[in-house]
PDB file of all heavy atoms in Angstrom:
ATOM      1  N   PRO A   1       0.805  -1.223   0.000  1.00  0.00           N
ATOM      2  CA  PRO A   1       0.000   0.000   0.000  1.00  0.00           C
ATOM      3  C   PRO A   1       0.832   1.263   0.000  1.00  0.00           C
ATOM      4  O   PRO A   1       0.442   2.266  -0.573  1.00  0.00           O
ATOM      5  CB  PRO A   1      -0.819  -0.128   1.290  1.00  0.00           C
ATOM      6  CG  PRO A   1      -0.796  -1.567   1.627  1.00  0.00           C
ATOM      7  CD  PRO A   1       0.520  -2.063   1.139  1.00  0.00           C
ATOM      8  N   ARG A   2       2.026   1.227   0.674  1.00  0.00           N
ATOM      9  CA  ARG A   2       2.861   2.431   0.710  1.00  0.00           C
ATOM     10  C   ARG A   2       3.333   2.777  -0.689  1.00  0.00           C
ATOM     11  O   ARG A   2       3.372   3.929  -1.098  1.00  0.00           O
ATOM     12  CB  ARG A   2       4.041   2.217   1.640  1.00  0.00           C
ATOM     13  CG  ARG A   2       4.851   3.487   1.852  1.00  0.00           C
ATOM     14  CD  ARG A   2       6.069   3.239   2.724  1.00  0.00           C
ATOM     15  NE  ARG A   2       5.705   2.748   4.034  1.00  0.00           N
ATOM     16  CZ  ARG A   2       5.936   1.517   4.438  1.00  0.00           C
ATOM     17  NH1 ARG A   2       6.554   0.654   3.647  1.00  0.00           N
ATOM     18  NH2 ARG A   2       5.583   1.121   5.655  1.00  0.00           N
ATOM     19  N   GLN A   3       3.717   1.759  -1.491  1.00  0.00           N
ATOM     20  CA  GLN A   3       4.150   2.018  -2.855  1.00  0.00           C
ATOM     21  C   GLN A   3       3.001   2.535  -3.692  1.00  0.00           C
ATOM     22  O   GLN A   3       3.159   3.437  -4.508  1.00  0.00           O
ATOM     23  CB  GLN A   3       4.722   0.744  -3.468  1.00  0.00           C
ATOM     24  CG  GLN A   3       6.008   0.275  -2.784  1.00  0.00           C
ATOM     25  CD  GLN A   3       6.501  -1.026  -3.363  1.00  0.00           C
ATOM     26  OE1 GLN A   3       5.839  -1.615  -4.226  1.00  0.00           O
ATOM     27  NE2 GLN A   3       7.641  -1.505  -2.889  1.00  0.00           N
ATOM     28  N   GLU A   4       1.797   1.963  -3.516  1.00  0.00           N
ATOM     29  CA  GLU A   4       0.646   2.455  -4.253  1.00  0.00           C
ATOM     30  C   GLU A   4       0.327   3.878  -3.864  1.00  0.00           C
ATOM     31  O   GLU A   4      -0.029   4.708  -4.697  1.00  0.00           O
ATOM     32  CB  GLU A   4      -0.558   1.554  -3.995  1.00  0.00           C
ATOM     33  CG  GLU A   4      -0.357   0.132  -4.540  1.00  0.00           C
ATOM     34  CD  GLU A   4      -1.530  -0.742  -4.226  1.00  0.00           C
ATOM     35  OE1 GLU A   4      -2.435  -0.259  -3.489  1.00  0.00           O
ATOM     36  OE2 GLU A   4      -1.585  -1.890  -4.703  1.00  0.00           O
ATOM     37  N   ALA A   5       0.472   4.195  -2.556  1.00  0.00           N
ATOM     38  CA  ALA A   5       0.196   5.562  -2.109  1.00  0.00           C
ATOM     39  C   ALA A   5       1.201   6.532  -2.687  1.00  0.00           C
ATOM     40  O   ALA A   5       0.865   7.651  -3.060  1.00  0.00           O
ATOM     41  CB  ALA A   5       0.208   5.636  -0.580  1.00  0.00           C
ATOM     42  N   ASP A   6       2.485   6.088  -2.823  1.00  0.00           N
ATOM     43  CA  ASP A   6       3.493   6.980  -3.382  1.00  0.00           C
ATOM     44  C   ASP A   6       3.229   7.268  -4.847  1.00  0.00           C
ATOM     45  O   ASP A   6       3.472   8.372  -5.337  1.00  0.00           O
ATOM     46  CB  ASP A   6       4.885   6.359  -3.211  1.00  0.00           C
ATOM     47  CG  ASP A   6       5.291   6.277  -1.754  1.00  0.00           C
ATOM     48  OD1 ASP A   6       4.690   6.994  -0.945  1.00  0.00           O
ATOM     49  OD2 ASP A   6       6.196   5.480  -1.435  1.00  0.00           O
ATOM     50  N   THR A   7       2.707   6.248  -5.582  1.00  0.00           N
ATOM     51  CA  THR A   7       2.476   6.466  -7.000  1.00  0.00           C
ATOM     52  C   THR A   7       1.256   7.311  -7.256  1.00  0.00           C
ATOM     53  O   THR A   7       1.175   8.015  -8.261  1.00  0.00           O
ATOM     54  CB  THR A   7       2.309   5.109  -7.703  1.00  0.00           C
ATOM     55  OG1 THR A   7       1.242   4.367  -7.056  1.00  0.00           O
ATOM     56  CG2 THR A   7       3.605   4.296  -7.606  1.00  0.00           C
ATOM     57  N   THR A   8       0.263   7.271  -6.353  1.00  0.00           N
ATOM     58  CA  THR A   8      -0.956   8.047  -6.558  1.00  0.00           C
ATOM     59  C   THR A   8      -0.913   9.386  -5.868  1.00  0.00           C
ATOM     60  O   THR A   8      -1.771  10.218  -6.107  1.00  0.00           O
ATOM     61  CB  THR A   8      -2.159   7.252  -6.031  1.00  0.00           C
ATOM     62  OG1 THR A   8      -1.952   6.958  -4.644  1.00  0.00           O
ATOM     63  CG2 THR A   8      -2.327   5.952  -6.816  1.00  0.00           C
ATOM     64  N   ALA A   9       0.092   9.593  -4.967  1.00  0.00           N
ATOM     65  CA  ALA A   9       0.132  10.862  -4.232  1.00  0.00           C
ATOM     66  C   ALA A   9       0.273  12.068  -5.137  1.00  0.00           C
ATOM     67  O   ALA A   9      -0.417  13.055  -4.948  1.00  0.00           O
ATOM     68  CB  ALA A   9       1.259  10.822  -3.195  1.00  0.00           C
ATOM     69  N   PRO A  10       1.169  12.049  -6.166  1.00  0.00           N
ATOM     70  CA  PRO A  10       1.278  13.242  -7.002  1.00  0.00           C
ATOM     71  C   PRO A  10       0.000  13.592  -7.713  1.00  0.00           C
ATOM     72  O   PRO A  10      -0.380  14.755  -7.819  1.00  0.00           O
ATOM     73  CB  PRO A  10       2.400  12.857  -7.985  1.00  0.00           C
ATOM     74  CG  PRO A  10       3.173  11.809  -7.286  1.00  0.00           C
ATOM     75  CD  PRO A  10       2.173  11.046  -6.467  1.00  0.00           C
ATOM     76  N   GLU A  11      -0.752  12.541  -8.229  1.00  0.00           N
ATOM     77  CA  GLU A  11      -2.000  12.842  -8.909  1.00  0.00           C
ATOM     78  C   GLU A  11      -3.012  13.430  -7.945  1.00  0.00           C
ATOM     79  O   GLU A  11      -3.730  14.384  -8.266  1.00  0.00           O
ATOM     80  CB  GLU A  11      -2.554  11.559  -9.545  1.00  0.00           C
ATOM     81  CG  GLU A  11      -1.602  10.979 -10.607  1.00  0.00           C
ATOM     82  CD  GLU A  11      -2.171   9.718 -11.206  1.00  0.00           C
ATOM     83  OE1 GLU A  11      -3.277   9.313 -10.768  1.00  0.00           O
ATOM     84  OE2 GLU A  11      -1.531   9.138 -12.102  1.00  0.00           O
ATOM     85  N   THR A  12      -3.085  12.861  -6.732  1.00  0.00           N
ATOM     86  CA  THR A  12      -4.018  13.388  -5.744  1.00  0.00           C
ATOM     87  C   THR A  12      -3.680  14.812  -5.372  1.00  0.00           C
ATOM     88  O   THR A  12      -4.551  15.667  -5.218  1.00  0.00           O
ATOM     89  CB  THR A  12      -3.989  12.501  -4.488  1.00  0.00           C
ATOM     90  OG1 THR A  12      -4.232  11.155  -4.865  1.00  0.00           O
ATOM     91  CG2 THR A  12      -5.040  12.958  -3.496  1.00  0.00           C
ATOM     92  N   ALA A  13      -2.354  15.075  -5.228  1.00  0.00           N
ATOM     93  CA  ALA A  13      -1.954  16.433  -4.872  1.00  0.00           C
ATOM     94  C   ALA A  13      -2.321  17.422  -5.968  1.00  0.00           C
ATOM     95  O   ALA A  13      -2.751  18.541  -5.694  1.00  0.00           O
ATOM     96  CB  ALA A  13      -0.446  16.474  -4.613  1.00  0.00           C
ATOM     97  N   LEU A  14      -2.199  16.990  -7.243  1.00  0.00           N
ATOM     98  CA  LEU A  14      -2.547  17.895  -8.334  1.00  0.00           C
ATOM     99  C   LEU A  14      -4.031  18.183  -8.355  1.00  0.00           C
ATOM    100  O   LEU A  14      -4.468  19.316  -8.577  1.00  0.00           O
ATOM    101  CB  LEU A  14      -2.108  17.274  -9.669  1.00  0.00           C
ATOM    102  CG  LEU A  14      -0.590  17.202  -9.910  1.00  0.00           C
ATOM    103  CD1 LEU A  14      -0.303  16.470 -11.209  1.00  0.00           C
ATOM    104  CD2 LEU A  14       0.004  18.603  -9.949  1.00  0.00           C
ATOM    105  N   VAL A  15      -4.847  17.130  -8.098  1.00  0.00           N
ATOM    106  CA  VAL A  15      -6.298  17.338  -8.094  1.00  0.00           C
ATOM    107  C   VAL A  15      -6.705  18.248  -6.959  1.00  0.00           C
ATOM    108  O   VAL A  15      -7.519  19.168  -7.123  1.00  0.00           O
ATOM    109  CB  VAL A  15      -7.016  15.975  -7.987  1.00  0.00           C
ATOM    110  CG1 VAL A  15      -8.511  16.179  -7.824  1.00  0.00           C
ATOM    111  CG2 VAL A  15      -6.737  15.149  -9.220  1.00  0.00           C
ATOM    112  N   GLU A  16      -6.126  18.007  -5.760  1.00  0.00           N
ATOM    113  CA  GLU A  16      -6.478  18.851  -4.625  1.00  0.00           C
ATOM    114  C   GLU A  16      -6.032  20.288  -4.848  1.00  0.00           C
ATOM    115  O   GLU A  16      -6.728  21.231  -4.494  1.00  0.00           O
ATOM    116  CB  GLU A  16      -5.832  18.292  -3.355  1.00  0.00           C
ATOM    117  CG  GLU A  16      -6.426  16.956  -2.930  1.00  0.00           C
ATOM    118  CD  GLU A  16      -5.744  16.439  -1.691  1.00  0.00           C
ATOM    119  OE1 GLU A  16      -4.742  17.069  -1.267  1.00  0.00           O
ATOM    120  OE2 GLU A  16      -6.197  15.421  -1.140  1.00  0.00           O
ATOM    121  N   ALA A  17      -4.849  20.449  -5.466  1.00  0.00           N
ATOM    122  CA  ALA A  17      -4.364  21.805  -5.694  1.00  0.00           C
ATOM    123  C   ALA A  17      -5.230  22.550  -6.697  1.00  0.00           C
ATOM    124  O   ALA A  17      -5.408  23.767  -6.604  1.00  0.00           O
ATOM    125  CB  ALA A  17      -2.916  21.768  -6.178  1.00  0.00           C
ATOM    126  N   SER A  18      -5.793  21.822  -7.684  1.00  0.00           N
ATOM    127  CA  SER A  18      -6.604  22.499  -8.685  1.00  0.00           C
ATOM    128  C   SER A  18      -7.916  23.001  -8.119  1.00  0.00           C
ATOM    129  O   SER A  18      -8.483  23.978  -8.610  1.00  0.00           O
ATOM    130  CB  SER A  18      -6.882  21.532  -9.852  1.00  0.00           C
ATOM    131  OG  SER A  18      -7.601  20.411  -9.389  1.00  0.00           O
ATOM    132  N   PHE A  19      -8.433  22.346  -7.060  1.00  0.00           N
ATOM    133  CA  PHE A  19      -9.685  22.775  -6.457  1.00  0.00           C
ATOM    134  C   PHE A  19      -9.492  23.594  -5.192  1.00  0.00           C
ATOM    135  O   PHE A  19     -10.448  24.121  -4.654  1.00  0.00           O
ATOM    136  CB  PHE A  19     -10.556  21.539  -6.120  1.00  0.00           C
ATOM    137  CG  PHE A  19     -11.141  20.897  -7.349  1.00  0.00           C
ATOM    138  CD1 PHE A  19     -10.524  19.798  -7.907  1.00  0.00           C
ATOM    139  CD2 PHE A  19     -12.265  21.407  -7.954  1.00  0.00           C
ATOM    140  CE1 PHE A  19     -11.044  19.199  -9.038  1.00  0.00           C
ATOM    141  CE2 PHE A  19     -12.789  20.813  -9.093  1.00  0.00           C
ATOM    142  CZ  PHE A  19     -12.180  19.711  -9.631  1.00  0.00           C
ATOM    143  N   ALA A  20      -8.251  23.654  -4.684  1.00  0.00           N
ATOM    144  CA  ALA A  20      -8.018  24.387  -3.439  1.00  0.00           C
ATOM    145  C   ALA A  20      -8.085  25.884  -3.696  1.00  0.00           C
ATOM    146  O   ALA A  20      -7.460  26.388  -4.629  1.00  0.00           O
ATOM    147  CB  ALA A  20      -6.652  24.026  -2.863  1.00  0.00           C
ATOM    148  N   PRO A  21      -8.824  26.640  -2.897  1.00  0.00           N
ATOM    149  CA  PRO A  21      -8.886  28.093  -3.085  1.00  0.00           C
ATOM    150  C   PRO A  21      -7.598  28.751  -2.650  1.00  0.00           C
ATOM    151  O   PRO A  21      -6.896  28.277  -1.773  1.00  0.00           O
ATOM    152  CB  PRO A  21     -10.056  28.505  -2.178  1.00  0.00           C
ATOM    153  CG  PRO A  21     -10.101  27.465  -1.125  1.00  0.00           C
ATOM    154  CD  PRO A  21      -9.680  26.176  -1.788  1.00  0.00           C
ATOM    155  N   GLU A  22      -7.307  29.876  -3.283  1.00  0.00           N
ATOM    156  CA  GLU A  22      -6.109  30.628  -2.926  1.00  0.00           C
ATOM    157  C   GLU A  22      -6.385  31.464  -1.695  1.00  0.00           C
ATOM    158  O   GLU A  22      -7.417  32.116  -1.590  1.00  0.00           O
ATOM    159  CB  GLU A  22      -5.691  31.535  -4.082  1.00  0.00           C
ATOM    160  CG  GLU A  22      -5.178  30.785  -5.279  1.00  0.00           C
ATOM    161  CD  GLU A  22      -4.630  31.752  -6.310  1.00  0.00           C
ATOM    162  OE1 GLU A  22      -3.601  32.381  -6.038  1.00  0.00           O
ATOM    163  OE2 GLU A  22      -5.256  31.885  -7.360  1.00  0.00           O
ATOM    164  N   THR A  23      -5.460  31.398  -0.755  1.00  0.00           N
ATOM    165  CA  THR A  23      -5.602  32.193   0.471  1.00  0.00           C
ATOM    166  C   THR A  23      -4.604  33.333   0.521  1.00  0.00           C
ATOM    167  O   THR A  23      -4.661  34.152   1.423  1.00  0.00           O
ATOM    168  CB  THR A  23      -5.405  31.296   1.700  1.00  0.00           C
ATOM    169  OG1 THR A  23      -4.130  30.680   1.620  1.00  0.00           O
ATOM    170  CG2 THR A  23      -6.490  30.226   1.750  1.00  0.00           C
ATOM    171  N   GLN A  24      -3.670  33.375  -0.429  1.00  0.00           N
ATOM    172  CA  GLN A  24      -2.695  34.447  -0.455  1.00  0.00           C
ATOM    173  C   GLN A  24      -2.873  35.255  -1.733  1.00  0.00           C
ATOM    174  O   GLN A  24      -3.355  34.758  -2.746  1.00  0.00           O
ATOM    175  CB  GLN A  24      -1.275  33.885  -0.404  1.00  0.00           C
ATOM    176  CG  GLN A  24      -0.980  33.130   0.890  1.00  0.00           C
ATOM    177  CD  GLN A  24       0.433  32.632   0.909  1.00  0.00           C
ATOM    178  OE1 GLN A  24       1.149  32.734  -0.072  1.00  0.00           O
ATOM    179  NE2 GLN A  24       0.842  32.083   2.041  1.00  0.00           N
ATOM    180  N   ALA A  25      -2.476  36.508  -1.646  1.00  0.00           N
ATOM    181  CA  ALA A  25      -2.617  37.393  -2.798  1.00  0.00           C
ATOM    182  C   ALA A  25      -1.694  36.948  -3.920  1.00  0.00           C
ATOM    183  O   ALA A  25      -0.561  36.537  -3.688  1.00  0.00           O
ATOM    184  CB  ALA A  25      -2.288  38.822  -2.388  1.00  0.00           C
ATOM    185  N   ARG A  26      -2.208  36.985  -5.135  1.00  0.00           N
ATOM    186  CA  ARG A  26      -1.392  36.639  -6.279  1.00  0.00           C
ATOM    187  C   ARG A  26      -0.566  37.843  -6.692  1.00  0.00           C
ATOM    188  O   ARG A  26      -1.009  38.977  -6.611  1.00  0.00           O
ATOM    189  CB  ARG A  26      -2.276  36.227  -7.457  1.00  0.00           C
ATOM    190  CG  ARG A  26      -3.197  35.059  -7.159  1.00  0.00           C
ATOM    191  CD  ARG A  26      -4.112  34.833  -8.329  1.00  0.00           C
ATOM    192  NE  ARG A  26      -5.099  33.801  -8.041  1.00  0.00           N
ATOM    193  CZ  ARG A  26      -6.103  33.506  -8.846  1.00  0.00           C
ATOM    194  NH1 ARG A  26      -6.273  34.160  -9.965  1.00  0.00           N
ATOM    195  NH2 ARG A  26      -6.961  32.568  -8.528  1.00  0.00           N
ATOM    196  N   GLU A  27       0.639  37.545  -7.160  1.00  0.00           N
ATOM    197  CA  GLU A  27       1.480  38.636  -7.645  1.00  0.00           C
ATOM    198  C   GLU A  27       0.982  39.049  -9.011  1.00  0.00           C
ATOM    199  O   GLU A  27       0.840  38.216  -9.922  1.00  0.00           O
ATOM    200  CB  GLU A  27       2.936  38.177  -7.745  1.00  0.00           C
ATOM    201  CG  GLU A  27       3.873  39.303  -8.126  1.00  0.00           C
ATOM    202  CD  GLU A  27       5.310  38.851  -8.131  1.00  0.00           C
ATOM    203  OE1 GLU A  27       5.541  37.708  -7.735  1.00  0.00           O
ATOM    204  OE2 GLU A  27       6.175  39.649  -8.523  1.00  0.00           O
ATOM    205  N   PRO A  28       0.653  40.313  -9.217  1.00  0.00           N
ATOM    206  CA  PRO A  28       0.101  40.759 -10.499  1.00  0.00           C
ATOM    207  C   PRO A  28       1.117  40.668 -11.613  1.00  0.00           C
ATOM    208  O   PRO A  28       2.324  40.695 -11.389  1.00  0.00           O
ATOM    209  CB  PRO A  28      -0.299  42.218 -10.223  1.00  0.00           C
ATOM    210  CG  PRO A  28       0.588  42.640  -9.104  1.00  0.00           C
ATOM    211  CD  PRO A  28       0.796  41.415  -8.265  1.00  0.00           C
ATOM    212  N   ARG A  29       0.617  40.528 -12.816  1.00  0.00           N
ATOM    213  CA  ARG A  29       1.493  40.500 -13.983  1.00  0.00           C
ATOM    214  C   ARG A  29       2.116  41.867 -14.192  1.00  0.00           C
ATOM    215  O   ARG A  29       1.499  42.897 -13.955  1.00  0.00           O
ATOM    216  CB  ARG A  29       0.697  40.094 -15.224  1.00  0.00           C
ATOM    217  CG  ARG A  29       0.104  38.702 -15.159  1.00  0.00           C
ATOM    218  CD  ARG A  29      -0.521  38.337 -16.494  1.00  0.00           C
ATOM    219  NE  ARG A  29      -1.565  39.288 -16.867  1.00  0.00           N
ATOM    220  CZ  ARG A  29      -2.830  39.154 -16.507  1.00  0.00           C
ATOM    221  NH1 ARG A  29      -3.183  38.154 -15.735  1.00  0.00           N
ATOM    222  NH2 ARG A  29      -3.737  40.041 -16.900  1.00  0.00           N
ATOM    223  N   LYS A  30       3.370  41.854 -14.633  1.00  0.00           N
ATOM    224  CA  LYS A  30       4.072  43.105 -14.872  1.00  0.00           C
ATOM    225  C   LYS A  30       3.648  43.673 -16.213  1.00  0.00           C
ATOM    226  O   LYS A  30       3.650  42.978 -17.230  1.00  0.00           O
ATOM    227  CB  LYS A  30       5.591  42.877 -14.854  1.00  0.00           C
ATOM    228  CG  LYS A  30       6.119  42.432 -13.501  1.00  0.00           C
ATOM    229  CD  LYS A  30       7.611  42.266 -13.528  1.00  0.00           C
ATOM    230  CE  LYS A  30       8.138  41.843 -12.168  1.00  0.00           C
ATOM    231  NZ  LYS A  30       9.603  41.684 -12.170  1.00  0.00           N
ATOM    232  N   ARG A  31       3.273  44.945 -16.207  1.00  0.00           N
ATOM    233  CA  ARG A  31       2.886  45.626 -17.418  1.00  0.00           C
ATOM    234  C   ARG A  31       3.568  46.989 -17.465  1.00  0.00           C
ATOM    235  O   ARG A  31       3.850  47.599 -16.443  1.00  0.00           O
ATOM    236  CB  ARG A  31       1.356  45.822 -17.478  1.00  0.00           C
ATOM    237  CG  ARG A  31       0.580  44.516 -17.464  1.00  0.00           C
ATOM    238  CD  ARG A  31      -0.886  44.765 -17.574  1.00  0.00           C
ATOM    239  NE  ARG A  31      -1.221  45.473 -18.803  1.00  0.00           N
ATOM    240  CZ  ARG A  31      -2.463  45.811 -19.138  1.00  0.00           C
ATOM    241  NH1 ARG A  31      -3.459  45.507 -18.342  1.00  0.00           N
ATOM    242  NH2 ARG A  31      -2.701  46.461 -20.257  1.00  0.00           N
ATOM    243  N   GLY A  32       3.799  47.464 -18.683  1.00  0.00           N
ATOM    244  CA  GLY A  32       4.446  48.751 -18.844  1.00  0.00           C
ATOM    245  C   GLY A  32       3.443  49.882 -18.680  1.00  0.00           C
ATOM    246  O   GLY A  32       2.232  49.677 -18.598  1.00  0.00           O
ATOM    247  N   GLY A  33       3.944  51.071 -18.617  1.00  0.00           N
ATOM    248  CA  GLY A  33       3.062  52.229 -18.522  1.00  0.00           C
ATOM    249  C   GLY A  33       3.090  52.848 -17.148  1.00  0.00           C
ATOM    250  O   GLY A  33       3.653  52.304 -16.185  1.00  0.00           O
ATOM    251  N   LEU A  34       2.404  53.971 -17.044  1.00  0.00           N
ATOM    252  CA  LEU A  34       2.381  54.718 -15.788  1.00  0.00           C
ATOM    253  C   LEU A  34       1.693  53.948 -14.680  1.00  0.00           C
ATOM    254  O   LEU A  34       2.058  54.032 -13.519  1.00  0.00           O
ATOM    255  CB  LEU A  34       1.680  56.056 -16.022  1.00  0.00           C
ATOM    256  CG  LEU A  34       1.490  56.957 -14.795  1.00  0.00           C
ATOM    257  CD1 LEU A  34       2.860  57.346 -14.230  1.00  0.00           C
ATOM    258  CD2 LEU A  34       0.678  58.198 -15.166  1.00  0.00           C
ATOM    259  N   PHE A  35       0.666  53.150 -15.038  1.00  0.00           N
ATOM    260  CA  PHE A  35      -0.143  52.491 -14.018  1.00  0.00           C
ATOM    261  C   PHE A  35       0.137  50.990 -13.976  1.00  0.00           C
ATOM    262  O   PHE A  35      -0.760  50.195 -13.779  1.00  0.00           O
ATOM    263  CB  PHE A  35      -1.634  52.740 -14.303  1.00  0.00           C
ATOM    264  CG  PHE A  35      -1.987  54.198 -14.286  1.00  0.00           C
ATOM    265  CD1 PHE A  35      -2.110  54.902 -15.475  1.00  0.00           C
ATOM    266  CD2 PHE A  35      -2.164  54.852 -13.096  1.00  0.00           C
ATOM    267  CE1 PHE A  35      -2.432  56.247 -15.456  1.00  0.00           C
ATOM    268  CE2 PHE A  35      -2.489  56.197 -13.077  1.00  0.00           C
ATOM    269  CZ  PHE A  35      -2.617  56.905 -14.267  1.00  0.00           C
ATOM    270  N   SER A  36       1.367  50.595 -14.221  1.00  0.00           N
ATOM    271  CA  SER A  36       1.735  49.186 -14.096  1.00  0.00           C
ATOM    272  C   SER A  36       1.564  48.769 -12.644  1.00  0.00           C
ATOM    273  O   SER A  36       2.002  49.451 -11.729  1.00  0.00           O
ATOM    274  CB  SER A  36       3.188  48.978 -14.535  1.00  0.00           C
ATOM    275  OG  SER A  36       4.053  49.759 -13.740  1.00  0.00           O
ATOM    276  N   ARG A  37       0.902  47.604 -12.467  1.00  0.00           N
ATOM    277  CA  ARG A  37       0.552  47.156 -11.113  1.00  0.00           C
ATOM    278  C   ARG A  37       1.645  46.256 -10.570  1.00  0.00           C
ATOM    279  O   ARG A  37       1.614  45.046 -10.711  1.00  0.00           O
ATOM    280  CB  ARG A  37      -0.790  46.420 -11.138  1.00  0.00           C
ATOM    281  CG  ARG A  37      -1.953  47.318 -11.505  1.00  0.00           C
ATOM    282  CD  ARG A  37      -2.271  48.247 -10.362  1.00  0.00           C
ATOM    283  NE  ARG A  37      -2.919  47.522  -9.303  1.00  0.00           N
ATOM    284  CZ  ARG A  37      -3.133  48.017  -8.103  1.00  0.00           C
ATOM    285  NH1 ARG A  37      -2.723  49.226  -7.813  1.00  0.00           N
ATOM    286  NH2 ARG A  37      -3.751  47.311  -7.193  1.00  0.00           N
TER     287      ARG A  37
END
């Protein structure tokens, strides 16, 4: 079971990460101009 858990852990982590809400502010994309955020 430990080997099976190791092989499925990355897929599970990816699925959980895709549905997990963000709790930290995202860094905005860099844009040129006077009002680049």
